[in-house]
N, C-alpha and C. Protein backbone atom coordinates (compact mmCIF):
# COMPACT_ATOMS: atom_id res chain seq x y z
N MET A 1 -11.76 12.01 4.69
CA MET A 1 -11.21 10.73 5.10
C MET A 1 -10.43 10.93 6.39
N GLU A 2 -10.56 9.99 7.28
CA GLU A 2 -9.93 10.09 8.59
C GLU A 2 -8.42 9.85 8.49
N LYS A 3 -7.64 10.84 8.90
CA LYS A 3 -6.18 10.77 8.80
C LYS A 3 -5.61 9.61 9.61
N GLN A 4 -6.16 9.37 10.77
CA GLN A 4 -5.67 8.29 11.64
C GLN A 4 -5.85 6.93 10.95
N LEU A 5 -6.95 6.73 10.25
CA LEU A 5 -7.21 5.48 9.53
C LEU A 5 -6.19 5.30 8.40
N VAL A 6 -5.89 6.38 7.67
CA VAL A 6 -4.91 6.32 6.59
C VAL A 6 -3.53 5.99 7.16
N THR A 7 -3.16 6.63 8.24
CA THR A 7 -1.85 6.39 8.86
C THR A 7 -1.76 4.94 9.37
N HIS A 8 -2.82 4.44 9.96
CA HIS A 8 -2.84 3.05 10.43
C HIS A 8 -2.71 2.09 9.24
N THR A 9 -3.42 2.37 8.17
CA THR A 9 -3.35 1.52 6.97
C THR A 9 -1.94 1.54 6.39
N ALA A 10 -1.31 2.70 6.38
CA ALA A 10 0.07 2.81 5.90
C ALA A 10 1.00 1.95 6.76
N ALA A 11 0.78 1.93 8.06
CA ALA A 11 1.60 1.10 8.95
C ALA A 11 1.41 -0.39 8.65
N LEU A 12 0.19 -0.79 8.36
CA LEU A 12 -0.07 -2.19 8.01
C LEU A 12 0.63 -2.56 6.70
N ILE A 13 0.63 -1.66 5.74
CA ILE A 13 1.33 -1.90 4.48
C ILE A 13 2.83 -2.02 4.73
N GLN A 14 3.37 -1.14 5.55
CA GLN A 14 4.80 -1.20 5.88
C GLN A 14 5.15 -2.53 6.56
N ARG A 15 4.30 -3.00 7.43
CA ARG A 15 4.54 -4.27 8.11
C ARG A 15 4.56 -5.41 7.09
N TYR A 16 3.64 -5.38 6.14
CA TYR A 16 3.59 -6.41 5.10
C TYR A 16 4.88 -6.39 4.28
N ILE A 17 5.30 -5.21 3.86
CA ILE A 17 6.52 -5.06 3.05
C ILE A 17 7.76 -5.48 3.84
N ALA A 18 7.78 -5.22 5.13
CA ALA A 18 8.94 -5.59 5.95
C ALA A 18 9.17 -7.10 5.93
N SER A 19 8.09 -7.87 5.90
CA SER A 19 8.23 -9.32 5.89
C SER A 19 8.29 -9.90 4.48
N ARG A 20 7.96 -9.08 3.47
CA ARG A 20 7.99 -9.52 2.07
C ARG A 20 8.54 -8.39 1.20
N PRO A 21 9.83 -8.10 1.30
CA PRO A 21 10.39 -6.91 0.65
C PRO A 21 10.29 -6.88 -0.87
N ASP A 22 10.09 -8.01 -1.51
CA ASP A 22 9.98 -8.04 -2.96
C ASP A 22 8.53 -8.03 -3.46
N ALA A 23 7.58 -7.88 -2.55
CA ALA A 23 6.17 -7.91 -2.93
C ALA A 23 5.81 -6.69 -3.78
N ALA A 24 4.89 -6.92 -4.71
CA ALA A 24 4.35 -5.84 -5.55
C ALA A 24 2.93 -6.25 -5.93
N ASP A 25 2.03 -5.28 -5.96
CA ASP A 25 0.65 -5.60 -6.29
C ASP A 25 -0.09 -4.33 -6.71
N THR A 26 -1.28 -4.53 -7.25
CA THR A 26 -2.16 -3.41 -7.60
C THR A 26 -2.79 -2.86 -6.32
N ILE A 27 -3.43 -1.72 -6.44
CA ILE A 27 -4.16 -1.16 -5.29
C ILE A 27 -5.19 -2.18 -4.80
N GLU A 28 -5.89 -2.80 -5.73
CA GLU A 28 -6.93 -3.76 -5.36
C GLU A 28 -6.33 -4.95 -4.60
N GLY A 29 -5.21 -5.47 -5.11
CA GLY A 29 -4.57 -6.60 -4.44
C GLY A 29 -4.06 -6.25 -3.06
N ILE A 30 -3.46 -5.07 -2.95
CA ILE A 30 -2.98 -4.61 -1.63
C ILE A 30 -4.14 -4.47 -0.67
N HIS A 31 -5.22 -3.86 -1.15
CA HIS A 31 -6.40 -3.64 -0.32
C HIS A 31 -6.99 -4.95 0.20
N LEU A 32 -7.03 -5.95 -0.68
CA LEU A 32 -7.67 -7.22 -0.30
C LEU A 32 -6.74 -8.19 0.42
N TRP A 33 -5.46 -8.21 0.08
CA TRP A 33 -4.58 -9.27 0.57
C TRP A 33 -3.50 -8.82 1.53
N TRP A 34 -3.05 -7.59 1.44
CA TRP A 34 -1.95 -7.15 2.31
C TRP A 34 -2.44 -6.63 3.65
N ILE A 35 -3.66 -6.14 3.68
CA ILE A 35 -4.17 -5.46 4.88
C ILE A 35 -5.17 -6.37 5.59
N ASP A 36 -4.89 -6.63 6.85
CA ASP A 36 -5.79 -7.45 7.66
C ASP A 36 -6.79 -6.50 8.34
N TRP A 37 -7.90 -6.28 7.65
CA TRP A 37 -8.93 -5.39 8.19
C TRP A 37 -9.60 -6.05 9.37
N PRO A 38 -9.81 -5.33 10.48
CA PRO A 38 -10.39 -5.95 11.68
C PRO A 38 -11.83 -6.41 11.48
N GLN A 39 -12.58 -5.73 10.63
CA GLN A 39 -13.96 -6.14 10.35
C GLN A 39 -14.10 -6.16 8.83
N SER A 40 -15.09 -5.52 8.29
CA SER A 40 -15.21 -5.45 6.84
C SER A 40 -14.21 -4.43 6.31
N PRO A 41 -13.66 -4.65 5.12
CA PRO A 41 -12.65 -3.73 4.59
C PRO A 41 -13.17 -2.31 4.44
N GLU A 42 -12.26 -1.37 4.61
CA GLU A 42 -12.57 0.03 4.36
C GLU A 42 -12.66 0.22 2.84
N GLN A 43 -12.94 1.42 2.43
CA GLN A 43 -12.99 1.73 1.00
C GLN A 43 -11.58 1.69 0.41
N PRO A 44 -11.44 1.29 -0.86
CA PRO A 44 -10.12 1.29 -1.50
C PRO A 44 -9.44 2.66 -1.50
N ALA A 45 -10.21 3.73 -1.39
CA ALA A 45 -9.63 5.08 -1.33
C ALA A 45 -8.71 5.23 -0.12
N VAL A 46 -9.00 4.52 0.96
CA VAL A 46 -8.14 4.55 2.15
C VAL A 46 -6.79 3.93 1.83
N THR A 47 -6.81 2.81 1.13
CA THR A 47 -5.56 2.14 0.74
C THR A 47 -4.76 3.04 -0.20
N LEU A 48 -5.43 3.65 -1.17
CA LEU A 48 -4.73 4.54 -2.09
C LEU A 48 -4.11 5.71 -1.33
N ALA A 49 -4.83 6.31 -0.40
CA ALA A 49 -4.30 7.43 0.37
C ALA A 49 -3.09 6.98 1.20
N ALA A 50 -3.15 5.77 1.75
CA ALA A 50 -2.02 5.25 2.53
C ALA A 50 -0.81 5.02 1.63
N LEU A 51 -1.03 4.47 0.44
CA LEU A 51 0.08 4.26 -0.50
C LEU A 51 0.69 5.58 -0.93
N GLU A 52 -0.15 6.56 -1.19
CA GLU A 52 0.36 7.88 -1.58
C GLU A 52 1.14 8.52 -0.44
N GLN A 53 0.70 8.29 0.80
CA GLN A 53 1.44 8.79 1.97
C GLN A 53 2.82 8.14 2.03
N LEU A 54 2.88 6.85 1.79
CA LEU A 54 4.16 6.13 1.81
C LEU A 54 5.04 6.53 0.62
N GLU A 55 4.41 6.83 -0.50
CA GLU A 55 5.15 7.30 -1.67
C GLU A 55 5.78 8.67 -1.38
N ALA A 56 5.03 9.55 -0.75
CA ALA A 56 5.53 10.88 -0.40
C ALA A 56 6.69 10.79 0.60
N ALA A 57 6.66 9.75 1.43
CA ALA A 57 7.74 9.53 2.41
C ALA A 57 8.91 8.77 1.78
N ASP A 58 8.82 8.49 0.47
CA ASP A 58 9.88 7.80 -0.28
C ASP A 58 10.06 6.35 0.18
N LEU A 59 8.95 5.72 0.62
CA LEU A 59 9.00 4.33 1.07
C LEU A 59 8.38 3.36 0.08
N MET A 60 7.46 3.85 -0.75
CA MET A 60 6.80 3.03 -1.77
C MET A 60 6.91 3.73 -3.10
N GLU A 61 6.76 2.95 -4.18
CA GLU A 61 6.76 3.53 -5.52
C GLU A 61 5.77 2.79 -6.39
N ARG A 62 5.28 3.48 -7.44
CA ARG A 62 4.40 2.86 -8.42
C ARG A 62 5.22 2.58 -9.66
N VAL A 63 4.96 1.44 -10.26
CA VAL A 63 5.63 1.08 -11.50
C VAL A 63 4.58 0.56 -12.48
N GLN A 64 4.81 0.79 -13.75
CA GLN A 64 3.93 0.27 -14.79
C GLN A 64 4.52 -1.03 -15.32
N ILE A 65 3.79 -2.11 -15.19
CA ILE A 65 4.22 -3.41 -15.68
C ILE A 65 3.04 -4.05 -16.40
N GLY A 66 3.26 -4.36 -17.66
CA GLY A 66 2.20 -5.02 -18.43
C GLY A 66 0.92 -4.22 -18.50
N GLY A 67 1.03 -2.89 -18.57
CA GLY A 67 -0.16 -2.04 -18.65
C GLY A 67 -0.90 -1.87 -17.34
N ARG A 68 -0.33 -2.36 -16.26
CA ARG A 68 -0.97 -2.22 -14.94
C ARG A 68 -0.06 -1.44 -14.02
N GLU A 69 -0.69 -0.69 -13.12
CA GLU A 69 0.08 0.06 -12.13
C GLU A 69 0.24 -0.82 -10.88
N LEU A 70 1.50 -1.11 -10.55
CA LEU A 70 1.80 -1.89 -9.36
C LEU A 70 2.52 -1.01 -8.35
N TRP A 71 2.33 -1.35 -7.10
CA TRP A 71 3.00 -0.66 -5.99
C TRP A 71 3.98 -1.63 -5.36
N ARG A 72 5.15 -1.10 -4.96
CA ARG A 72 6.16 -1.92 -4.29
C ARG A 72 7.00 -1.01 -3.40
N ALA A 73 7.81 -1.64 -2.55
CA ALA A 73 8.72 -0.87 -1.71
C ALA A 73 9.68 -0.11 -2.62
N LYS A 74 10.04 1.08 -2.23
CA LYS A 74 10.97 1.91 -3.01
C LYS A 74 12.29 1.18 -3.16
N ARG A 75 12.76 1.13 -4.39
CA ARG A 75 14.03 0.47 -4.69
C ARG A 75 15.09 1.53 -4.94
N SER A 76 16.32 1.24 -4.57
CA SER A 76 17.43 2.14 -4.85
C SER A 76 17.70 2.12 -6.34
N ARG A 77 18.02 3.25 -6.87
CA ARG A 77 18.28 3.33 -8.31
C ARG A 77 19.75 3.37 -8.57
């Protein structure tokens, strides 16, 4: 997978979260609704890699709600 594409996707996710700090969604929802793909969407694996990159940077977190895994901006504990 192209690292530059993952980094760009992570930046798009960060931009979305900056304007909607309380947003949370599944990987599928983020892939389809949060990211403005210039042409046809990339594979969902790109979105997952971008989310994991943001998680490693302590900017995003996964939470289990109602049996589903949701992603959101990292919250202070």
